[in-house]
N, C-alpha and C. Protein backbone atom coordinates (compact mmCIF):
# COMPACT_ATOMS: atom_id res chain seq x y z
N MET A 1 47.93 -1.70 36.68
CA MET A 1 47.41 -0.70 37.59
C MET A 1 46.22 -1.31 38.34
N ALA A 2 46.24 -1.30 39.62
CA ALA A 2 45.21 -1.90 40.46
C ALA A 2 44.02 -0.96 40.56
N LYS A 3 42.82 -1.57 40.58
CA LYS A 3 41.61 -0.76 40.72
C LYS A 3 41.41 -0.44 42.19
N THR A 4 40.97 0.76 42.42
CA THR A 4 40.67 1.15 43.80
C THR A 4 39.27 0.68 44.14
N THR A 5 38.95 0.72 45.40
CA THR A 5 37.63 0.32 45.87
C THR A 5 36.56 1.22 45.26
N ALA A 6 36.85 2.49 45.11
CA ALA A 6 35.89 3.44 44.55
C ALA A 6 35.59 3.10 43.08
N GLN A 7 36.64 2.75 42.31
CA GLN A 7 36.45 2.39 40.91
C GLN A 7 35.62 1.11 40.78
N THR A 8 35.91 0.13 41.62
CA THR A 8 35.18 -1.13 41.60
C THR A 8 33.73 -0.91 41.96
N SER A 9 33.49 -0.09 42.97
CA SER A 9 32.13 0.21 43.39
C SER A 9 31.36 0.92 42.28
N PHE A 10 32.03 1.88 41.65
CA PHE A 10 31.41 2.62 40.56
C PHE A 10 31.07 1.69 39.40
N THR A 11 31.99 0.83 39.02
CA THR A 11 31.77 -0.13 37.93
C THR A 11 30.63 -1.06 38.27
N THR A 12 30.57 -1.52 39.49
CA THR A 12 29.50 -2.42 39.93
C THR A 12 28.15 -1.72 39.84
N ARG A 13 28.08 -0.46 40.25
CA ARG A 13 26.83 0.29 40.17
C ARG A 13 26.37 0.46 38.73
N ILE A 14 27.32 0.73 37.83
CA ILE A 14 26.97 0.89 36.41
C ILE A 14 26.41 -0.41 35.87
N HIS A 15 27.05 -1.53 36.18
CA HIS A 15 26.57 -2.83 35.72
C HIS A 15 25.18 -3.12 36.29
N ASP A 16 24.93 -2.78 37.54
CA ASP A 16 23.61 -2.99 38.14
C ASP A 16 22.54 -2.16 37.43
N ILE A 17 22.85 -0.92 37.14
CA ILE A 17 21.90 -0.04 36.45
C ILE A 17 21.58 -0.59 35.06
N ILE A 18 22.60 -1.02 34.34
CA ILE A 18 22.40 -1.56 33.00
C ILE A 18 21.56 -2.84 33.06
N ALA A 19 21.85 -3.70 34.03
CA ALA A 19 21.10 -4.96 34.18
C ALA A 19 19.63 -4.68 34.49
N ARG A 20 19.35 -3.71 35.36
CA ARG A 20 17.95 -3.36 35.68
C ARG A 20 17.23 -2.79 34.46
N ALA A 21 17.92 -1.92 33.71
CA ALA A 21 17.32 -1.33 32.51
C ALA A 21 17.00 -2.42 31.49
N ALA A 22 17.93 -3.35 31.30
CA ALA A 22 17.70 -4.44 30.34
C ALA A 22 16.51 -5.30 30.78
N ALA A 23 16.40 -5.57 32.07
CA ALA A 23 15.29 -6.37 32.58
C ALA A 23 13.96 -5.65 32.39
N GLU A 24 13.94 -4.33 32.63
CA GLU A 24 12.70 -3.56 32.44
C GLU A 24 12.29 -3.53 30.97
N ILE A 25 13.26 -3.39 30.08
CA ILE A 25 12.95 -3.37 28.64
C ILE A 25 12.41 -4.72 28.21
N ALA A 26 13.05 -5.80 28.67
CA ALA A 26 12.59 -7.14 28.33
C ALA A 26 11.17 -7.37 28.84
N HIS A 27 10.89 -6.94 30.06
CA HIS A 27 9.56 -7.11 30.63
C HIS A 27 8.51 -6.32 29.83
N ALA A 28 8.85 -5.09 29.45
CA ALA A 28 7.92 -4.26 28.67
C ALA A 28 7.66 -4.89 27.30
N ALA A 29 8.71 -5.41 26.66
CA ALA A 29 8.54 -6.04 25.35
C ALA A 29 7.67 -7.29 25.47
N GLN A 30 7.89 -8.10 26.50
CA GLN A 30 7.08 -9.30 26.70
C GLN A 30 5.61 -8.94 26.93
N SER A 31 5.37 -7.90 27.71
CA SER A 31 3.99 -7.47 27.97
C SER A 31 3.32 -7.01 26.67
N GLU A 32 4.05 -6.27 25.86
CA GLU A 32 3.50 -5.79 24.59
C GLU A 32 3.19 -6.96 23.67
N ILE A 33 4.07 -7.92 23.61
CA ILE A 33 3.86 -9.09 22.75
C ILE A 33 2.66 -9.89 23.24
N ARG A 34 2.55 -10.07 24.55
CA ARG A 34 1.40 -10.80 25.10
C ARG A 34 0.09 -10.11 24.73
N GLY A 35 0.08 -8.77 24.86
CA GLY A 35 -1.12 -8.01 24.50
C GLY A 35 -1.47 -8.16 23.03
N ASP A 36 -0.46 -8.09 22.16
CA ASP A 36 -0.70 -8.26 20.73
C ASP A 36 -1.22 -9.66 20.43
N LEU A 37 -0.65 -10.67 21.07
CA LEU A 37 -1.11 -12.03 20.85
C LEU A 37 -2.56 -12.21 21.30
N ARG A 38 -2.91 -11.59 22.44
CA ARG A 38 -4.30 -11.68 22.90
C ARG A 38 -5.24 -11.07 21.87
N LYS A 39 -4.86 -9.92 21.33
CA LYS A 39 -5.70 -9.26 20.34
C LYS A 39 -5.82 -10.11 19.09
N ILE A 40 -4.72 -10.71 18.65
CA ILE A 40 -4.75 -11.55 17.46
C ILE A 40 -5.64 -12.76 17.70
N LEU A 41 -5.48 -13.38 18.84
CA LEU A 41 -6.28 -14.56 19.14
C LEU A 41 -7.76 -14.22 19.31
N ASP A 42 -8.03 -12.99 19.71
CA ASP A 42 -9.42 -12.54 19.84
C ASP A 42 -9.98 -12.06 18.50
N GLY A 43 -9.17 -12.08 17.45
CA GLY A 43 -9.63 -11.70 16.13
C GLY A 43 -9.51 -10.22 15.83
N VAL A 44 -8.80 -9.49 16.65
CA VAL A 44 -8.62 -8.06 16.43
C VAL A 44 -7.32 -7.86 15.67
N LYS A 45 -7.38 -7.12 14.60
CA LYS A 45 -6.19 -6.85 13.80
C LYS A 45 -5.36 -5.77 14.49
N THR A 46 -4.05 -6.00 14.63
CA THR A 46 -3.19 -5.02 15.28
C THR A 46 -2.13 -4.55 14.30
N ALA A 47 -1.67 -3.37 14.53
CA ALA A 47 -0.57 -2.85 13.75
C ALA A 47 0.74 -3.24 14.43
N THR A 48 1.79 -3.36 13.63
CA THR A 48 3.07 -3.71 14.22
C THR A 48 3.57 -2.53 15.03
N PRO A 49 4.06 -2.78 16.24
CA PRO A 49 4.53 -1.68 17.06
C PRO A 49 5.80 -1.09 16.48
N LYS A 50 5.91 0.22 16.55
CA LYS A 50 7.09 0.90 16.05
C LYS A 50 8.03 1.14 17.21
N LEU A 51 9.29 0.80 17.00
CA LEU A 51 10.28 0.96 18.05
C LEU A 51 11.02 2.28 17.93
N THR A 52 10.83 3.00 16.82
CA THR A 52 11.50 4.27 16.63
C THR A 52 10.60 5.40 17.11
N ALA A 53 11.15 6.59 17.15
CA ALA A 53 10.38 7.75 17.57
C ALA A 53 9.25 7.98 16.57
N ALA A 54 8.15 8.48 17.05
CA ALA A 54 6.98 8.71 16.21
C ALA A 54 7.30 9.79 15.19
N LYS A 55 6.93 9.53 13.93
CA LYS A 55 7.14 10.50 12.87
C LYS A 55 5.82 11.22 12.62
N PRO A 56 5.89 12.46 12.18
CA PRO A 56 4.64 13.15 11.87
C PRO A 56 3.95 12.45 10.71
N LYS A 57 2.61 12.41 10.76
CA LYS A 57 1.85 11.74 9.72
C LYS A 57 1.93 12.53 8.42
N ALA A 58 2.04 11.79 7.33
CA ALA A 58 2.11 12.40 6.01
C ALA A 58 0.71 12.83 5.59
N ALA A 59 0.67 13.68 4.60
CA ALA A 59 -0.61 14.13 4.06
C ALA A 59 -1.32 12.93 3.44
N PRO A 60 -2.64 12.91 3.42
CA PRO A 60 -3.35 11.77 2.83
C PRO A 60 -2.99 11.60 1.36
N ALA A 61 -2.99 10.36 0.90
CA ALA A 61 -2.66 10.07 -0.49
C ALA A 61 -3.74 10.64 -1.40
N PRO A 62 -3.33 11.11 -2.59
CA PRO A 62 -4.34 11.62 -3.52
C PRO A 62 -5.23 10.48 -3.99
N ALA A 63 -6.42 10.83 -4.46
CA ALA A 63 -7.37 9.82 -4.93
C ALA A 63 -6.78 9.09 -6.12
N ALA A 64 -7.02 7.79 -6.18
CA ALA A 64 -6.49 6.97 -7.28
C ALA A 64 -7.23 7.30 -8.56
N LYS A 65 -6.51 7.17 -9.69
CA LYS A 65 -7.14 7.39 -10.99
C LYS A 65 -8.07 6.23 -11.28
N PRO A 66 -9.14 6.45 -12.02
CA PRO A 66 -10.05 5.35 -12.35
C PRO A 66 -9.29 4.25 -13.09
N GLY A 67 -9.58 3.00 -12.74
CA GLY A 67 -8.95 1.88 -13.41
C GLY A 67 -7.61 1.50 -12.83
N ARG A 68 -7.16 2.22 -11.81
CA ARG A 68 -5.87 1.92 -11.20
C ARG A 68 -6.09 1.36 -9.81
N ALA A 69 -5.21 0.47 -9.40
CA ALA A 69 -5.25 -0.04 -8.03
C ALA A 69 -4.74 1.07 -7.13
N PRO A 70 -5.24 1.17 -5.90
CA PRO A 70 -4.77 2.21 -5.00
C PRO A 70 -3.30 1.98 -4.67
N SER A 71 -2.59 3.08 -4.43
CA SER A 71 -1.19 2.94 -4.07
C SER A 71 -1.09 2.31 -2.69
N ARG A 72 0.01 1.61 -2.43
CA ARG A 72 0.16 0.92 -1.15
C ARG A 72 0.41 1.89 -0.02
N LYS A 73 1.01 3.03 -0.31
CA LYS A 73 1.32 3.98 0.74
C LYS A 73 0.06 4.75 1.12
N GLY A 74 -0.35 4.64 2.35
CA GLY A 74 -1.48 5.41 2.83
C GLY A 74 -2.83 4.74 2.63
N SER A 75 -2.87 3.62 1.94
CA SER A 75 -4.15 2.94 1.77
C SER A 75 -3.90 1.45 1.68
N SER A 76 -4.94 0.69 1.88
CA SER A 76 -4.78 -0.76 1.84
C SER A 76 -4.86 -1.24 0.40
N PHE A 77 -4.18 -2.33 0.13
CA PHE A 77 -4.16 -2.90 -1.21
C PHE A 77 -5.41 -3.74 -1.42
N LEU A 78 -6.07 -3.55 -2.52
CA LEU A 78 -7.26 -4.30 -2.84
C LEU A 78 -6.95 -5.27 -3.97
N ARG A 79 -7.34 -6.51 -3.81
CA ARG A 79 -7.14 -7.50 -4.87
C ARG A 79 -8.15 -7.25 -5.98
N ARG A 80 -7.70 -7.52 -7.21
CA ARG A 80 -8.61 -7.40 -8.35
C ARG A 80 -9.44 -8.67 -8.46
N SER A 81 -10.66 -8.54 -8.86
CA SER A 81 -11.51 -9.71 -9.05
C SER A 81 -11.11 -10.39 -10.36
N ALA A 82 -11.57 -11.62 -10.54
CA ALA A 82 -11.28 -12.36 -11.77
C ALA A 82 -11.84 -11.62 -12.98
N LYS A 83 -13.00 -11.00 -12.81
CA LYS A 83 -13.60 -10.24 -13.92
C LYS A 83 -12.73 -9.03 -14.28
N LYS A 84 -12.21 -8.35 -13.26
CA LYS A 84 -11.36 -7.18 -13.49
C LYS A 84 -10.06 -7.59 -14.17
N ILE A 85 -9.48 -8.72 -13.74
CA ILE A 85 -8.25 -9.21 -14.36
C ILE A 85 -8.50 -9.54 -15.83
N ALA A 86 -9.61 -10.24 -16.10
CA ALA A 86 -9.95 -10.59 -17.48
C ALA A 86 -10.18 -9.33 -18.32
N ALA A 87 -10.86 -8.33 -17.74
CA ALA A 87 -11.11 -7.07 -18.47
C ALA A 87 -9.79 -6.35 -18.76
N ASP A 88 -8.88 -6.30 -17.76
CA ASP A 88 -7.59 -5.65 -17.96
C ASP A 88 -6.78 -6.37 -19.04
N ASN A 89 -6.79 -7.72 -18.99
CA ASN A 89 -6.05 -8.49 -19.99
C ASN A 89 -6.64 -8.30 -21.39
N GLY A 90 -7.97 -8.21 -21.47
CA GLY A 90 -8.61 -7.93 -22.75
C GLY A 90 -8.23 -6.55 -23.28
N ALA A 91 -8.18 -5.58 -22.38
CA ALA A 91 -7.78 -4.23 -22.78
C ALA A 91 -6.33 -4.22 -23.26
N LEU A 92 -5.47 -4.96 -22.55
CA LEU A 92 -4.06 -5.04 -22.96
C LEU A 92 -3.94 -5.68 -24.34
N LEU A 93 -4.64 -6.80 -24.54
CA LEU A 93 -4.56 -7.49 -25.82
C LEU A 93 -5.06 -6.60 -26.95
N GLY A 94 -6.19 -5.93 -26.74
CA GLY A 94 -6.71 -5.02 -27.76
C GLY A 94 -5.74 -3.89 -28.06
N PHE A 95 -5.11 -3.35 -27.04
CA PHE A 95 -4.16 -2.26 -27.23
C PHE A 95 -2.93 -2.75 -27.99
N ILE A 96 -2.44 -3.94 -27.64
CA ILE A 96 -1.24 -4.47 -28.30
C ILE A 96 -1.55 -4.79 -29.77
N LYS A 97 -2.76 -5.28 -30.05
CA LYS A 97 -3.14 -5.55 -31.45
C LYS A 97 -3.17 -4.25 -32.24
N ALA A 98 -3.66 -3.19 -31.63
CA ALA A 98 -3.76 -1.90 -32.32
C ALA A 98 -2.41 -1.17 -32.38
N ASN A 99 -1.51 -1.47 -31.44
CA ASN A 99 -0.22 -0.76 -31.35
C ASN A 99 0.92 -1.75 -31.14
N PRO A 100 1.26 -2.57 -32.11
CA PRO A 100 2.34 -3.54 -31.91
C PRO A 100 3.69 -2.84 -31.82
N GLY A 101 4.63 -3.49 -31.15
CA GLY A 101 6.00 -2.97 -31.10
C GLY A 101 6.28 -2.04 -29.95
N LEU A 102 5.38 -1.92 -28.98
CA LEU A 102 5.62 -1.03 -27.83
C LEU A 102 6.19 -1.81 -26.66
N ARG A 103 6.94 -1.11 -25.81
CA ARG A 103 7.49 -1.70 -24.59
C ARG A 103 6.44 -1.64 -23.48
N SER A 104 6.68 -2.41 -22.42
CA SER A 104 5.69 -2.49 -21.34
C SER A 104 5.46 -1.13 -20.68
N GLU A 105 6.51 -0.31 -20.55
CA GLU A 105 6.32 1.01 -19.94
C GLU A 105 5.41 1.89 -20.79
N GLN A 106 5.58 1.79 -22.10
CA GLN A 106 4.74 2.57 -23.00
C GLN A 106 3.29 2.07 -22.96
N ILE A 107 3.13 0.76 -22.87
CA ILE A 107 1.79 0.18 -22.77
C ILE A 107 1.13 0.63 -21.48
N GLN A 108 1.90 0.64 -20.40
CA GLN A 108 1.38 1.06 -19.09
C GLN A 108 0.91 2.51 -19.14
N LYS A 109 1.73 3.39 -19.68
CA LYS A 109 1.35 4.81 -19.74
C LYS A 109 0.12 5.02 -20.61
N ALA A 110 0.07 4.32 -21.73
CA ALA A 110 -1.03 4.53 -22.67
C ALA A 110 -2.36 3.96 -22.13
N THR A 111 -2.29 2.82 -21.45
CA THR A 111 -3.53 2.21 -20.96
C THR A 111 -3.96 2.79 -19.61
N GLY A 112 -3.03 3.35 -18.85
CA GLY A 112 -3.36 3.90 -17.54
C GLY A 112 -3.49 2.85 -16.45
N LEU A 113 -3.10 1.61 -16.75
CA LEU A 113 -3.15 0.54 -15.74
C LEU A 113 -1.92 0.61 -14.85
N ALA A 114 -2.02 0.04 -13.68
CA ALA A 114 -0.89 0.00 -12.76
C ALA A 114 0.21 -0.89 -13.33
N ARG A 115 1.44 -0.59 -12.99
CA ARG A 115 2.59 -1.32 -13.51
C ARG A 115 2.49 -2.82 -13.21
N ALA A 116 2.12 -3.16 -11.98
CA ALA A 116 2.01 -4.58 -11.61
C ALA A 116 0.92 -5.28 -12.42
N ASN A 117 -0.18 -4.58 -12.68
CA ASN A 117 -1.28 -5.17 -13.45
C ASN A 117 -0.86 -5.39 -14.91
N VAL A 118 -0.10 -4.45 -15.46
CA VAL A 118 0.39 -4.60 -16.83
C VAL A 118 1.38 -5.77 -16.89
N ALA A 119 2.30 -5.83 -15.94
CA ALA A 119 3.31 -6.89 -15.93
C ALA A 119 2.66 -8.26 -15.82
N SER A 120 1.72 -8.42 -14.89
CA SER A 120 1.07 -9.72 -14.73
C SER A 120 0.19 -10.04 -15.94
N GLY A 121 -0.46 -9.03 -16.51
CA GLY A 121 -1.30 -9.24 -17.69
C GLY A 121 -0.47 -9.66 -18.89
N LEU A 122 0.68 -9.01 -19.09
CA LEU A 122 1.54 -9.39 -20.20
C LEU A 122 2.07 -10.81 -20.02
N GLN A 123 2.40 -11.16 -18.78
CA GLN A 123 2.87 -12.52 -18.51
C GLN A 123 1.77 -13.55 -18.84
N ARG A 124 0.54 -13.27 -18.44
CA ARG A 124 -0.57 -14.18 -18.74
C ARG A 124 -0.80 -14.30 -20.24
N LEU A 125 -0.75 -13.16 -20.94
CA LEU A 125 -0.94 -13.19 -22.39
C LEU A 125 0.19 -13.94 -23.09
N ARG A 126 1.41 -13.82 -22.59
CA ARG A 126 2.53 -14.59 -23.16
C ARG A 126 2.33 -16.08 -22.89
N ASP A 127 1.93 -16.42 -21.66
CA ASP A 127 1.71 -17.82 -21.31
C ASP A 127 0.61 -18.45 -22.16
N ASP A 128 -0.42 -17.67 -22.46
CA ASP A 128 -1.54 -18.15 -23.29
C ASP A 128 -1.22 -18.06 -24.78
N ARG A 129 -0.01 -17.58 -25.11
CA ARG A 129 0.46 -17.42 -26.49
C ARG A 129 -0.43 -16.48 -27.31
N LYS A 130 -0.98 -15.48 -26.63
CA LYS A 130 -1.79 -14.49 -27.34
C LYS A 130 -0.93 -13.31 -27.80
N VAL A 131 0.19 -13.08 -27.13
CA VAL A 131 1.15 -12.06 -27.57
C VAL A 131 2.53 -12.70 -27.58
N ARG A 132 3.41 -12.11 -28.38
CA ARG A 132 4.79 -12.58 -28.39
C ARG A 132 5.70 -11.41 -28.03
N MET A 133 6.78 -11.77 -27.38
CA MET A 133 7.72 -10.78 -26.89
C MET A 133 8.99 -10.88 -27.71
N THR A 134 9.49 -9.73 -28.16
CA THR A 134 10.75 -9.68 -28.88
C THR A 134 11.70 -8.82 -28.05
N GLY A 135 12.89 -9.34 -27.77
CA GLY A 135 13.85 -8.61 -26.96
C GLY A 135 13.86 -9.13 -25.54
N VAL A 136 14.65 -8.47 -24.71
CA VAL A 136 14.78 -8.91 -23.32
C VAL A 136 14.60 -7.74 -22.38
N LYS A 137 14.13 -8.07 -21.19
CA LYS A 137 13.95 -7.13 -20.08
C LYS A 137 13.22 -5.87 -20.52
N ARG A 138 13.80 -4.69 -20.20
CA ARG A 138 13.09 -3.43 -20.49
C ARG A 138 13.03 -3.10 -21.96
N ALA A 139 13.89 -3.72 -22.77
CA ALA A 139 13.91 -3.45 -24.21
C ALA A 139 12.91 -4.32 -24.97
N ALA A 140 12.19 -5.20 -24.26
CA ALA A 140 11.25 -6.10 -24.90
C ALA A 140 10.08 -5.34 -25.48
N THR A 141 9.67 -5.75 -26.66
CA THR A 141 8.48 -5.17 -27.30
C THR A 141 7.46 -6.29 -27.48
N TYR A 142 6.20 -5.90 -27.60
CA TYR A 142 5.11 -6.87 -27.66
C TYR A 142 4.29 -6.69 -28.92
N ALA A 143 3.86 -7.83 -29.47
CA ALA A 143 2.98 -7.84 -30.65
C ALA A 143 2.01 -9.00 -30.50
N ALA A 144 0.81 -8.84 -31.08
CA ALA A 144 -0.21 -9.90 -30.98
C ALA A 144 -0.09 -10.87 -32.13
C-alpha cells in the first residue's frame, strides 16, 4: 500500500517534533549537569537531581535512642569514633561473657546497639579471638 503525500507529511512532522523534544531534553540535562559540576568544583555540596515527579515529604524521623547511630532515612549517617567503637566492643564482650550462647539478634536487642555496630563488633571480637562463634549464619551463637 503506497503512502499518500498527507501521510508522509504527517509522519515527517511527528519525527520533527520528536527530534526537537529530544534536543531540548538533552540541552536541559547538559545545563543541569554543568551547573552541578560548577557547584561541586566550587565546594558546594549538591543533591542528586530527581527525574521523577516530586513526592510529598515524609514526617521527620523520630529521635534516635541513646547509644544508637541515627537511621539513614531522614538524617545523615555519622561515623563512630575509635573511642565509641572500643566502648561498644567492650560492652559486647562484657554482655557475651555474662550471657553466653545468644545469637547476634538477641545480643542486639539486649544491648540496644544498632545492627551494623553489633555485626562489626562481633566480627572484630572474633578476629581478635576474644569470642568464639558456634553455628552458621543466623543460627550462630557467641561465647567468650
